[in-house]
């Protein structure tokens, strides 16, 4: 097992200080190890996550080679050769488990933001104190964007949040964590070959959730109540002006509709079952202001920082095997990559909807490793 930094390197080095897991502690589990603390319904801090993974690496005796960066992987002699910062490794099979969040995604027009404005990604951001005084434009309203917008607003900053397609979720529903419903109802176990539009499902933004001791819901209504200004998707930056798309009401309505359909699914599953939950509930539609601004002068002093919460992408620059499509995505069928003996784990909806969560990797790994074992057992 090759790791470019330390065990749990991304959790240690590439997360902001206040971040907590979105999944409750009872879902923090790996084969043979699970959370056993006093707060099963809480959400682990980054320090707790790294300690959990450190303990798992030690208990499992995993042969992790830390400080080993893979600079190239290519086919050779019916297998592969990996060139690393500590020499070459020859092997018959390889599992790519580097995840989908290696690099922040920033739109091409980001370079047009005036140089007088500080520009950061979530990889750079640690907390409000590091930013210059003044307002902040947060671009992106998935889990990362809403969490950073809320933190900055609580720190007293004027915040404008640019909102595109998003997934709205309550933190709790009918007295249970919403992710309990995803787990218990079987939605998280839905297989990739059962999804109608798999490509789209794999591109969906992360849901608007935050893990706090209060188990609060952090949707756009909550942010607006805090004083965050909501604007449309950032479409371009021209002559120092940020241009936002219209149709914000339609974006809100679509997210609200999808939320209602999801809650209907939960209710249908719960009907007739003897489970301890509260009565069904529904949530107020996302409120839209009478008018939303369509432009923002970035040369003015209104905004001093732009924070790009516009998603992440994997980094395959080291992969010298022709298995990357035109959009930079790995070509695979449920983790079986389109090259004999090459596999992947930890990508969105790899084999199930829970694929990218800590507790969701186990079932995927068993399926992928079964295929890998059959590959090794086959005649060369």
Foldseek 3Di string as FASTA:
>chain_A
DEAQADQVVCLVQQAAQFAWDLDFQQLQDDVPDGDDDDGRRFTGGSVVVSVRRVVVCVVVVDPYDHNKAFQAWDDDDCAIWTQIPVGIDTDRFDAAAVAFFPFFDDDPQPVVADPQAAEAERRPHHALVVADDAAEEEAEQAQVRLVRLVRNLVVVHAYEYAYDAAAEDWCDFQHHGVVVLCVVLCQQFDWLVNDDDNVVQLVHGHHRGGGDPVSGGRDLQVSVVSPHAYFYHQDHADPQKTFHDDPPVVSQVVNLVVHVVVLVSSVVSCPPDPDDGHDGDHDDGNDDDPDHDGMDRSVDRNHRYYYYHPGGGDDCSRYPDPQADPVRDGDDQLQHGPDQNYGYFQGQSSTGNCRNPNSNRRVSVVVGVVVNVVSVPDDD
